[in-house]
Amino acid sequence: MLSCHLVGFDIGTLQSVIAVARNRGIDILSNEVSNRATPTMASFNQKQRYLGESAKNQEMSNFKNTVRSLKRIIGHSYEEVAAQKFEVEELGASLCD
């Protein structure tokens, strides 16, 4: 008998969740620190990238290289006021086109 699982992603502005439909139910997957919701963020340094919880831990010490809330400006052009306002208020780094 062939076993098949369906995986769903809910990528939110601040948190993301992954769920699996199996055995006539839905299971929400936990991340590396046993939380069901994972921060939607990424952080970068010279040698490594951090995603989710580890990126959140890097946010204060590596603010200029941490990205969060980018979902808010998906689909906007860099020239639009919404993108420029977002850059000033939300990001520690500059956006590039």
PDB file of N, CA and C in Angstrom:
ATOM      1  N   MET A   1       0.831  -1.168   0.000  1.00  0.00           N
ATOM      2  CA  MET A   1       0.000   0.000   0.000  1.00  0.00           C
ATOM      3  C   MET A   1       0.889   1.249   0.000  1.00  0.00           C
ATOM      4  N   LEU A   2       0.574   2.179  -0.865  1.00  0.00           N
ATOM      5  CA  LEU A   2       1.335   3.408  -0.999  1.00  0.00           C
ATOM      6  C   LEU A   2       0.902   4.419   0.042  1.00  0.00           C
ATOM      7  N   SER A   3       1.857   4.967   0.778  1.00  0.00           N
ATOM      8  CA  SER A   3       1.572   5.972   1.792  1.00  0.00           C
ATOM      9  C   SER A   3       1.929   7.348   1.242  1.00  0.00           C
ATOM     10  N   CYS A   4       1.035   8.304   1.392  1.00  0.00           N
ATOM     11  CA  CYS A   4       1.247   9.643   0.875  1.00  0.00           C
ATOM     12  C   CYS A   4       0.903  10.662   1.951  1.00  0.00           C
ATOM     13  N   HIS A   5       1.756  11.667   2.118  1.00  0.00           N
ATOM     14  CA  HIS A   5       1.512  12.725   3.091  1.00  0.00           C
ATOM     15  C   HIS A   5       1.453  14.056   2.361  1.00  0.00           C
ATOM     16  N   LEU A   6       0.597  14.921   2.822  1.00  0.00           N
ATOM     17  CA  LEU A   6       0.453  16.250   2.261  1.00  0.00           C
ATOM     18  C   LEU A   6       1.055  17.251   3.241  1.00  0.00           C
ATOM     19  N   VAL A   7       1.910  18.142   2.741  1.00  0.00           N
ATOM     20  CA  VAL A   7       2.568  19.132   3.585  1.00  0.00           C
ATOM     21  C   VAL A   7       2.065  20.518   3.211  1.00  0.00           C
ATOM     22  N   GLY A   8       1.745  21.318   4.234  1.00  0.00           N
ATOM     23  CA  GLY A   8       1.275  22.682   4.007  1.00  0.00           C
ATOM     24  C   GLY A   8       2.150  23.679   4.732  1.00  0.00           C
ATOM     25  N   PHE A   9       2.375  24.822   4.091  1.00  0.00           N
ATOM     26  CA  PHE A   9       3.189  25.899   4.661  1.00  0.00           C
ATOM     27  C   PHE A   9       2.318  27.142   4.820  1.00  0.00           C
ATOM     28  N   ASP A  10       2.352  27.744   5.971  1.00  0.00           N
ATOM     29  CA  ASP A  10       1.709  29.033   6.205  1.00  0.00           C
ATOM     30  C   ASP A  10       2.828  30.009   6.516  1.00  0.00           C
ATOM     31  N   ILE A  11       3.225  30.774   5.505  1.00  0.00           N
ATOM     32  CA  ILE A  11       4.318  31.720   5.686  1.00  0.00           C
ATOM     33  C   ILE A  11       3.708  33.078   5.992  1.00  0.00           C
ATOM     34  N   GLY A  12       3.798  33.467   7.243  1.00  0.00           N
ATOM     35  CA  GLY A  12       3.237  34.731   7.683  1.00  0.00           C
ATOM     36  C   GLY A  12       4.292  35.829   7.719  1.00  0.00           C
ATOM     37  N   THR A  13       3.845  37.027   8.009  1.00  0.00           N
ATOM     38  CA  THR A  13       4.748  38.167   8.072  1.00  0.00           C
ATOM     39  C   THR A  13       5.743  38.022   9.219  1.00  0.00           C
ATOM     40  N   LEU A  14       5.266  37.548  10.366  1.00  0.00           N
ATOM     41  CA  LEU A  14       6.132  37.421  11.540  1.00  0.00           C
ATOM     42  C   LEU A  14       6.427  35.982  11.929  1.00  0.00           C
ATOM     43  N   GLN A  15       5.484  35.075  11.706  1.00  0.00           N
ATOM     44  CA  GLN A  15       5.640  33.667  12.098  1.00  0.00           C
ATOM     45  C   GLN A  15       5.243  32.761  10.928  1.00  0.00           C
ATOM     46  N   SER A  16       5.837  31.598  10.862  1.00  0.00           N
ATOM     47  CA  SER A  16       5.499  30.589   9.860  1.00  0.00           C
ATOM     48  C   SER A  16       5.208  29.264  10.541  1.00  0.00           C
ATOM     49  N   VAL A  17       4.326  28.472   9.912  1.00  0.00           N
ATOM     50  CA  VAL A  17       3.929  27.178  10.468  1.00  0.00           C
ATOM     51  C   VAL A  17       3.958  26.143   9.346  1.00  0.00           C
ATOM     52  N   ILE A  18       4.387  24.920   9.674  1.00  0.00           N
ATOM     53  CA  ILE A  18       4.380  23.805   8.730  1.00  0.00           C
ATOM     54  C   ILE A  18       3.508  22.710   9.311  1.00  0.00           C
ATOM     55  N   ALA A  19       2.593  22.192   8.479  1.00  0.00           N
ATOM     56  CA  ALA A  19       1.677  21.132   8.916  1.00  0.00           C
ATOM     57  C   ALA A  19       1.726  19.965   7.943  1.00  0.00           C
ATOM     58  N   VAL A  20       1.465  18.763   8.462  1.00  0.00           N
ATOM     59  CA  VAL A  20       1.447  17.546   7.658  1.00  0.00           C
ATOM     60  C   VAL A  20       0.113  16.848   7.876  1.00  0.00           C
ATOM     61  N   ALA A  21      -0.556  16.512   6.774  1.00  0.00           N
ATOM     62  CA  ALA A  21      -1.802  15.748   6.858  1.00  0.00           C
ATOM     63  C   ALA A  21      -1.448  14.271   6.713  1.00  0.00           C
ATOM     64  N   ARG A  22      -1.720  13.503   7.763  1.00  0.00           N
ATOM     65  CA  ARG A  22      -1.428  12.068   7.737  1.00  0.00           C
ATOM     66  C   ARG A  22      -2.305  11.366   8.768  1.00  0.00           C
ATOM     67  N   ASN A  23      -2.549  10.111   8.540  1.00  0.00           N
ATOM     68  CA  ASN A  23      -3.343   9.275   9.445  1.00  0.00           C
ATOM     69  C   ASN A  23      -4.678   9.934   9.831  1.00  0.00           C
ATOM     70  N   ARG A  24      -5.335  10.476   8.848  1.00  0.00           N
ATOM     71  CA  ARG A  24      -6.647  11.118   9.025  1.00  0.00           C
ATOM     72  C   ARG A  24      -6.632  12.278  10.009  1.00  0.00           C
ATOM     73  N   GLY A  25      -5.529  12.968  10.092  1.00  0.00           N
ATOM     74  CA  GLY A  25      -5.402  14.123  10.970  1.00  0.00           C
ATOM     75  C   GLY A  25      -4.332  15.070  10.459  1.00  0.00           C
ATOM     76  N   ILE A  26      -4.200  16.181  11.133  1.00  0.00           N
ATOM     77  CA  ILE A  26      -3.198  17.170  10.764  1.00  0.00           C
ATOM     78  C   ILE A  26      -2.255  17.372  11.941  1.00  0.00           C
ATOM     79  N   ASP A  27      -0.973  17.242  11.668  1.00  0.00           N
ATOM     80  CA  ASP A  27       0.064  17.445  12.684  1.00  0.00           C
ATOM     81  C   ASP A  27       0.816  18.732  12.369  1.00  0.00           C
ATOM     82  N   ILE A  28       0.935  19.614  13.367  1.00  0.00           N
ATOM     83  CA  ILE A  28       1.744  20.817  13.236  1.00  0.00           C
ATOM     84  C   ILE A  28       3.158  20.463  13.674  1.00  0.00           C
ATOM     85  N   LEU A  29       4.128  20.698  12.814  1.00  0.00           N
ATOM     86  CA  LEU A  29       5.512  20.346  13.126  1.00  0.00           C
ATOM     87  C   LEU A  29       6.139  21.371  14.059  1.00  0.00           C
ATOM     88  N   SER A  30       6.965  20.897  14.948  1.00  0.00           N
ATOM     89  CA  SER A  30       7.687  21.764  15.886  1.00  0.00           C
ATOM     90  C   SER A  30       9.069  22.068  15.333  1.00  0.00           C
ATOM     91  N   ASN A  31       9.591  23.236  15.692  1.00  0.00           N
ATOM     92  CA  ASN A  31      10.935  23.594  15.246  1.00  0.00           C
ATOM     93  C   ASN A  31      11.977  23.067  16.225  1.00  0.00           C
ATOM     94  N   GLU A  32      13.206  23.544  16.092  1.00  0.00           N
ATOM     95  CA  GLU A  32      14.312  23.017  16.897  1.00  0.00           C
ATOM     96  C   GLU A  32      14.213  23.334  18.378  1.00  0.00           C
ATOM     97  N   VAL A  33      13.361  24.292  18.758  1.00  0.00           N
ATOM     98  CA  VAL A  33      13.167  24.604  20.182  1.00  0.00           C
ATOM     99  C   VAL A  33      11.748  24.249  20.634  1.00  0.00           C
ATOM    100  N   SER A  34      11.110  23.342  19.909  1.00  0.00           N
ATOM    101  CA  SER A  34       9.792  22.785  20.234  1.00  0.00           C
ATOM    102  C   SER A  34       8.636  23.780  20.158  1.00  0.00           C
ATOM    103  N   ASN A  35       8.801  24.848  19.389  1.00  0.00           N
ATOM    104  CA  ASN A  35       7.697  25.775  19.145  1.00  0.00           C
ATOM    105  C   ASN A  35       6.997  25.389  17.856  1.00  0.00           C
ATOM    106  N   ARG A  36       5.697  25.546  17.818  1.00  0.00           N
ATOM    107  CA  ARG A  36       4.946  25.231  16.603  1.00  0.00           C
ATOM    108  C   ARG A  36       5.053  26.340  15.563  1.00  0.00           C
ATOM    109  N   ALA A  37       5.231  27.556  16.005  1.00  0.00           N
ATOM    110  CA  ALA A  37       5.410  28.686  15.090  1.00  0.00           C
ATOM    111  C   ALA A  37       6.875  29.104  15.103  1.00  0.00           C
ATOM    112  N   THR A  38       7.421  29.326  13.906  1.00  0.00           N
ATOM    113  CA  THR A  38       8.820  29.704  13.755  1.00  0.00           C
ATOM    114  C   THR A  38       8.890  31.141  13.239  1.00  0.00           C
ATOM    115  N   PRO A  39       9.756  31.971  13.797  1.00  0.00           N
ATOM    116  CA  PRO A  39       9.879  33.338  13.292  1.00  0.00           C
ATOM    117  C   PRO A  39      10.254  33.353  11.809  1.00  0.00           C
ATOM    118  N   THR A  40       9.600  34.213  11.043  1.00  0.00           N
ATOM    119  CA  THR A  40       9.900  34.351   9.622  1.00  0.00           C
ATOM    120  C   THR A  40      10.991  35.401   9.475  1.00  0.00           C
ATOM    121  N   MET A  41      12.211  34.975   9.647  1.00  0.00           N
ATOM    122  CA  MET A  41      13.345  35.888   9.533  1.00  0.00           C
ATOM    123  C   MET A  41      14.612  35.132   9.163  1.00  0.00           C
ATOM    124  N   ALA A  42      15.576  35.891   8.641  1.00  0.00           N
ATOM    125  CA  ALA A  42      16.875  35.331   8.278  1.00  0.00           C
ATOM    126  C   ALA A  42      17.956  36.306   8.700  1.00  0.00           C
ATOM    127  N   SER A  43      19.097  35.773   9.099  1.00  0.00           N
ATOM    128  CA  SER A  43      20.237  36.591   9.502  1.00  0.00           C
ATOM    129  C   SER A  43      21.482  36.011   8.840  1.00  0.00           C
ATOM    130  N   PHE A  44      22.385  36.898   8.441  1.00  0.00           N
ATOM    131  CA  PHE A  44      23.580  36.479   7.720  1.00  0.00           C
ATOM    132  C   PHE A  44      24.814  37.076   8.370  1.00  0.00           C
ATOM    133  N   ASN A  45      25.908  36.321   8.323  1.00  0.00           N
ATOM    134  CA  ASN A  45      27.207  36.880   8.694  1.00  0.00           C
ATOM    135  C   ASN A  45      28.219  36.406   7.664  1.00  0.00           C
ATOM    136  N   GLN A  46      29.493  36.602   7.927  1.00  0.00           N
ATOM    137  CA  GLN A  46      30.536  36.295   6.939  1.00  0.00           C
ATOM    138  C   GLN A  46      30.550  34.825   6.510  1.00  0.00           C
ATOM    139  N   LYS A  47      30.281  33.918   7.437  1.00  0.00           N
ATOM    140  CA  LYS A  47      30.446  32.495   7.155  1.00  0.00           C
ATOM    141  C   LYS A  47      29.165  31.677   7.202  1.00  0.00           C
ATOM    142  N   GLN A  48      28.084  32.230   7.707  1.00  0.00           N
ATOM    143  CA  GLN A  48      26.919  31.402   7.994  1.00  0.00           C
ATOM    144  C   GLN A  48      25.621  32.178   7.807  1.00  0.00           C
ATOM    145  N   ARG A  49      24.519  31.435   7.615  1.00  0.00           N
ATOM    146  CA  ARG A  49      23.191  32.042   7.605  1.00  0.00           C
ATOM    147  C   ARG A  49      22.353  31.382   8.690  1.00  0.00           C
ATOM    148  N   TYR A  50      21.452  32.148   9.256  1.00  0.00           N
ATOM    149  CA  TYR A  50      20.582  31.671  10.320  1.00  0.00           C
ATOM    150  C   TYR A  50      19.142  31.881   9.885  1.00  0.00           C
ATOM    151  N   LEU A  51      18.291  30.900  10.168  1.00  0.00           N
ATOM    152  CA  LEU A  51      16.874  30.984   9.814  1.00  0.00           C
ATOM    153  C   LEU A  51      16.027  30.705  11.038  1.00  0.00           C
ATOM    154  N   GLY A  52      14.864  31.337  11.127  1.00  0.00           N
ATOM    155  CA  GLY A  52      13.919  31.055  12.201  1.00  0.00           C
ATOM    156  C   GLY A  52      14.401  31.484  13.564  1.00  0.00           C
ATOM    157  N   GLU A  53      14.350  30.554  14.521  1.00  0.00           N
ATOM    158  CA  GLU A  53      14.719  30.849  15.909  1.00  0.00           C
ATOM    159  C   GLU A  53      16.156  31.334  16.044  1.00  0.00           C
ATOM    160  N   SER A  54      17.067  30.719  15.314  1.00  0.00           N
ATOM    161  CA  SER A  54      18.468  31.140  15.420  1.00  0.00           C
ATOM    162  C   SER A  54      18.664  32.546  14.845  1.00  0.00           C
ATOM    163  N   ALA A  55      17.893  32.920  13.815  1.00  0.00           N
ATOM    164  CA  ALA A  55      17.959  34.282  13.283  1.00  0.00           C
ATOM    165  C   ALA A  55      17.413  35.279  14.294  1.00  0.00           C
ATOM    166  N   LYS A  56      16.361  34.890  14.993  1.00  0.00           N
ATOM    167  CA  LYS A  56      15.803  35.766  16.024  1.00  0.00           C
ATOM    168  C   LYS A  56      16.821  35.998  17.131  1.00  0.00           C
ATOM    169  N   ASN A  57      17.584  34.971  17.480  1.00  0.00           N
ATOM    170  CA  ASN A  57      18.629  35.115  18.491  1.00  0.00           C
ATOM    171  C   ASN A  57      19.749  36.042  18.014  1.00  0.00           C
ATOM    172  N   GLN A  58      19.974  36.110  16.716  1.00  0.00           N
ATOM    173  CA  GLN A  58      21.027  36.956  16.138  1.00  0.00           C
ATOM    174  C   GLN A  58      20.564  38.401  15.908  1.00  0.00           C
ATOM    175  N   GLU A  59      19.260  38.643  16.014  1.00  0.00           N
ATOM    176  CA  GLU A  59      18.691  39.929  15.618  1.00  0.00           C
ATOM    177  C   GLU A  59      19.350  41.124  16.316  1.00  0.00           C
ATOM    178  N   MET A  60      19.547  41.072  17.604  1.00  0.00           N
ATOM    179  CA  MET A  60      20.106  42.211  18.328  1.00  0.00           C
ATOM    180  C   MET A  60      21.614  42.363  18.098  1.00  0.00           C
ATOM    181  N   SER A  61      22.335  41.283  18.039  1.00  0.00           N
ATOM    182  CA  SER A  61      23.786  41.366  17.865  1.00  0.00           C
ATOM    183  C   SER A  61      24.196  41.556  16.399  1.00  0.00           C
ATOM    184  N   ASN A  62      23.297  41.243  15.462  1.00  0.00           N
ATOM    185  CA  ASN A  62      23.605  41.328  14.037  1.00  0.00           C
ATOM    186  C   ASN A  62      22.458  42.035  13.311  1.00  0.00           C
ATOM    187  N   PHE A  63      22.034  43.178  13.830  1.00  0.00           N
ATOM    188  CA  PHE A  63      20.844  43.872  13.338  1.00  0.00           C
ATOM    189  C   PHE A  63      20.932  44.254  11.867  1.00  0.00           C
ATOM    190  N   LYS A  64      22.075  44.739  11.426  1.00  0.00           N
ATOM    191  CA  LYS A  64      22.239  45.196  10.040  1.00  0.00           C
ATOM    192  C   LYS A  64      22.110  44.066   9.024  1.00  0.00           C
ATOM    193  N   ASN A  65      22.332  42.828   9.443  1.00  0.00           N
ATOM    194  CA  ASN A  65      22.270  41.688   8.522  1.00  0.00           C
ATOM    195  C   ASN A  65      21.118  40.742   8.827  1.00  0.00           C
ATOM    196  N   THR A  66      20.104  41.226   9.524  1.00  0.00           N
ATOM    197  CA  THR A  66      18.928  40.419   9.839  1.00  0.00           C
ATOM    198  C   THR A  66      17.726  40.978   9.097  1.00  0.00           C
ATOM    199  N   VAL A  67      17.010  40.086   8.425  1.00  0.00           N
ATOM    200  CA  VAL A  67      15.865  40.484   7.606  1.00  0.00           C
ATOM    201  C   VAL A  67      14.602  39.876   8.195  1.00  0.00           C
ATOM    202  N   ARG A  68      13.557  40.706   8.342  1.00  0.00           N
ATOM    203  CA  ARG A  68      12.262  40.249   8.828  1.00  0.00           C
ATOM    204  C   ARG A  68      11.166  41.071   8.169  1.00  0.00           C
ATOM    205  N   SER A  69       9.962  40.571   8.172  1.00  0.00           N
ATOM    206  CA  SER A  69       8.781  41.286   7.680  1.00  0.00           C
ATOM    207  C   SER A  69       8.845  41.667   6.205  1.00  0.00           C
ATOM    208  N   LEU A  70       9.666  41.015   5.407  1.00  0.00           N
ATOM    209  CA  LEU A  70       9.749  41.366   3.990  1.00  0.00           C
ATOM    210  C   LEU A  70       8.472  41.045   3.226  1.00  0.00           C
ATOM    211  N   LYS A  71       7.638  40.177   3.775  1.00  0.00           N
ATOM    212  CA  LYS A  71       6.393  39.833   3.106  1.00  0.00           C
ATOM    213  C   LYS A  71       5.518  41.072   2.898  1.00  0.00           C
ATOM    214  N   ARG A  72       5.689  42.062   3.731  1.00  0.00           N
ATOM    215  CA  ARG A  72       4.882  43.291   3.641  1.00  0.00           C
ATOM    216  C   ARG A  72       5.138  44.083   2.371  1.00  0.00           C
ATOM    217  N   ILE A  73       6.293  43.915   1.744  1.00  0.00           N
ATOM    218  CA  ILE A  73       6.564  44.709   0.546  1.00  0.00           C
ATOM    219  C   ILE A  73       6.708  43.859  -0.721  1.00  0.00           C
ATOM    220  N   ILE A  74       6.375  42.584  -0.647  1.00  0.00           N
ATOM    221  CA  ILE A  74       6.411  41.746  -1.850  1.00  0.00           C
ATOM    222  C   ILE A  74       5.430  42.316  -2.868  1.00  0.00           C
ATOM    223  N   GLY A  75       5.874  42.479  -4.089  1.00  0.00           N
ATOM    224  CA  GLY A  75       5.038  43.009  -5.151  1.00  0.00           C
ATOM    225  C   GLY A  75       5.140  44.511  -5.331  1.00  0.00           C
ATOM    226  N   HIS A  76       5.805  45.196  -4.413  1.00  0.00           N
ATOM    227  CA  HIS A  76       5.988  46.644  -4.546  1.00  0.00           C
ATOM    228  C   HIS A  76       7.302  46.930  -5.271  1.00  0.00           C
ATOM    229  N   SER A  77       7.311  47.986  -6.040  1.00  0.00           N
ATOM    230  CA  SER A  77       8.529  48.459  -6.675  1.00  0.00           C
ATOM    231  C   SER A  77       9.327  49.244  -5.643  1.00  0.00           C
ATOM    232  N   TYR A  78      10.639  49.299  -5.815  1.00  0.00           N
ATOM    233  CA  TYR A  78      11.481  50.039  -4.883  1.00  0.00           C
ATOM    234  C   TYR A  78      11.125  51.529  -4.889  1.00  0.00           C
ATOM    235  N   GLU A  79      10.667  52.036  -6.031  1.00  0.00           N
ATOM    236  CA  GLU A  79      10.339  53.458  -6.146  1.00  0.00           C
ATOM    237  C   GLU A  79       9.069  53.834  -5.383  1.00  0.00           C
ATOM    238  N   GLU A  80       8.231  52.864  -5.027  1.00  0.00           N
ATOM    239  CA  GLU A  80       6.981  53.166  -4.330  1.00  0.00           C
ATOM    240  C   GLU A  80       7.254  53.656  -2.911  1.00  0.00           C
ATOM    241  N   VAL A  81       6.409  54.561  -2.474  1.00  0.00           N
ATOM    242  CA  VAL A  81       6.535  55.142  -1.141  1.00  0.00           C
ATOM    243  C   VAL A  81       6.448  54.065  -0.061  1.00  0.00           C
ATOM    244  N   ALA A  82       5.586  53.060  -0.249  1.00  0.00           N
ATOM    245  CA  ALA A  82       5.414  51.992   0.751  1.00  0.00           C
ATOM    246  C   ALA A  82       6.736  51.264   1.005  1.00  0.00           C
ATOM    247  N   ALA A  83       7.489  50.977  -0.047  1.00  0.00           N
ATOM    248  CA  ALA A  83       8.763  50.275   0.108  1.00  0.00           C
ATOM    249  C   ALA A  83       9.793  51.157   0.793  1.00  0.00           C
ATOM    250  N   GLN A  84       9.849  52.418   0.443  1.00  0.00           N
ATOM    251  CA  GLN A  84      10.822  53.319   1.057  1.00  0.00           C
ATOM    252  C   GLN A  84      10.486  53.584   2.524  1.00  0.00           C
ATOM    253  N   LYS A  85       9.195  53.701   2.830  1.00  0.00           N
ATOM    254  CA  LYS A  85       8.776  53.897   4.215  1.00  0.00           C
ATOM    255  C   LYS A  85       9.097  52.658   5.052  1.00  0.00           C
ATOM    256  N   PHE A  86       8.865  51.483   4.462  1.00  0.00           N
ATOM    257  CA  PHE A  86       9.175  50.214   5.134  1.00  0.00           C
ATOM    258  C   PHE A  86      10.668  50.129   5.438  1.00  0.00           C
ATOM    259  N   GLU A  87      11.492  50.510   4.476  1.00  0.00           N
ATOM    260  CA  GLU A  87      12.946  50.451   4.652  1.00  0.00           C
ATOM    261  C   GLU A  87      13.391  51.297   5.843  1.00  0.00           C
ATOM    262  N   VAL A  88      12.855  52.486   5.953  1.00  0.00           N
ATOM    263  CA  VAL A  88      13.245  53.400   7.035  1.00  0.00           C
ATOM    264  C   VAL A  88      12.754  52.900   8.390  1.00  0.00           C
ATOM    265  N   GLU A  89      11.508  52.419   8.446  1.00  0.00           N
ATOM    266  CA  GLU A  89      10.898  52.050   9.726  1.00  0.00           C
ATOM    267  C   GLU A  89      11.228  50.645  10.213  1.00  0.00           C
ATOM    268  N   GLU A  90      11.411  49.702   9.305  1.00  0.00           N
ATOM    269  CA  GLU A  90      11.488  48.293   9.696  1.00  0.00           C
ATOM    270  C   GLU A  90      12.852  47.635   9.514  1.00  0.00           C
ATOM    271  N   LEU A  91      13.646  48.093   8.570  1.00  0.00           N
ATOM    272  CA  LEU A  91      14.898  47.402   8.250  1.00  0.00           C
ATOM    273  C   LEU A  91      16.107  48.118   8.817  1.00  0.00           C
ATOM    274  N   GLY A  92      17.079  47.347   9.210  1.00  0.00           N
ATOM    275  CA  GLY A  92      18.342  47.913   9.651  1.00  0.00           C
ATOM    276  C   GLY A  92      19.294  48.107   8.494  1.00  0.00           C
ATOM    277  N   ALA A  93      19.004  47.474   7.366  1.00  0.00           N
ATOM    278  CA  ALA A  93      19.840  47.565   6.172  1.00  0.00           C
ATOM    279  C   ALA A  93      19.087  48.302   5.070  1.00  0.00           C
ATOM    280  N   SER A  94      19.801  48.675   4.038  1.00  0.00           N
ATOM    281  CA  SER A  94      19.190  49.363   2.895  1.00  0.00           C
ATOM    282  C   SER A  94      18.692  48.352   1.881  1.00  0.00           C
ATOM    283  N   LEU A  95      17.554  48.648   1.261  1.00  0.00           N
ATOM    284  CA  LEU A  95      17.040  47.820   0.182  1.00  0.00           C
ATOM    285  C   LEU A  95      17.776  48.185  -1.102  1.00  0.00           C
ATOM    286  N   CYS A  96      17.909  47.221  -2.010  1.00  0.00           N
ATOM    287  CA  CYS A  96      18.475  47.515  -3.311  1.00  0.00           C
ATOM    288  C   CYS A  96      17.529  46.995  -4.367  1.00  0.00           C
ATOM    289  N   ASP A  97      17.543  47.598  -5.521  1.00  0.00           N
ATOM    290  CA  ASP A  97      16.623  47.255  -6.603  1.00  0.00           C
ATOM    291  C   ASP A  97      17.165  46.101  -7.420  1.00  0.00           C
TER     292      ASP A  97
END
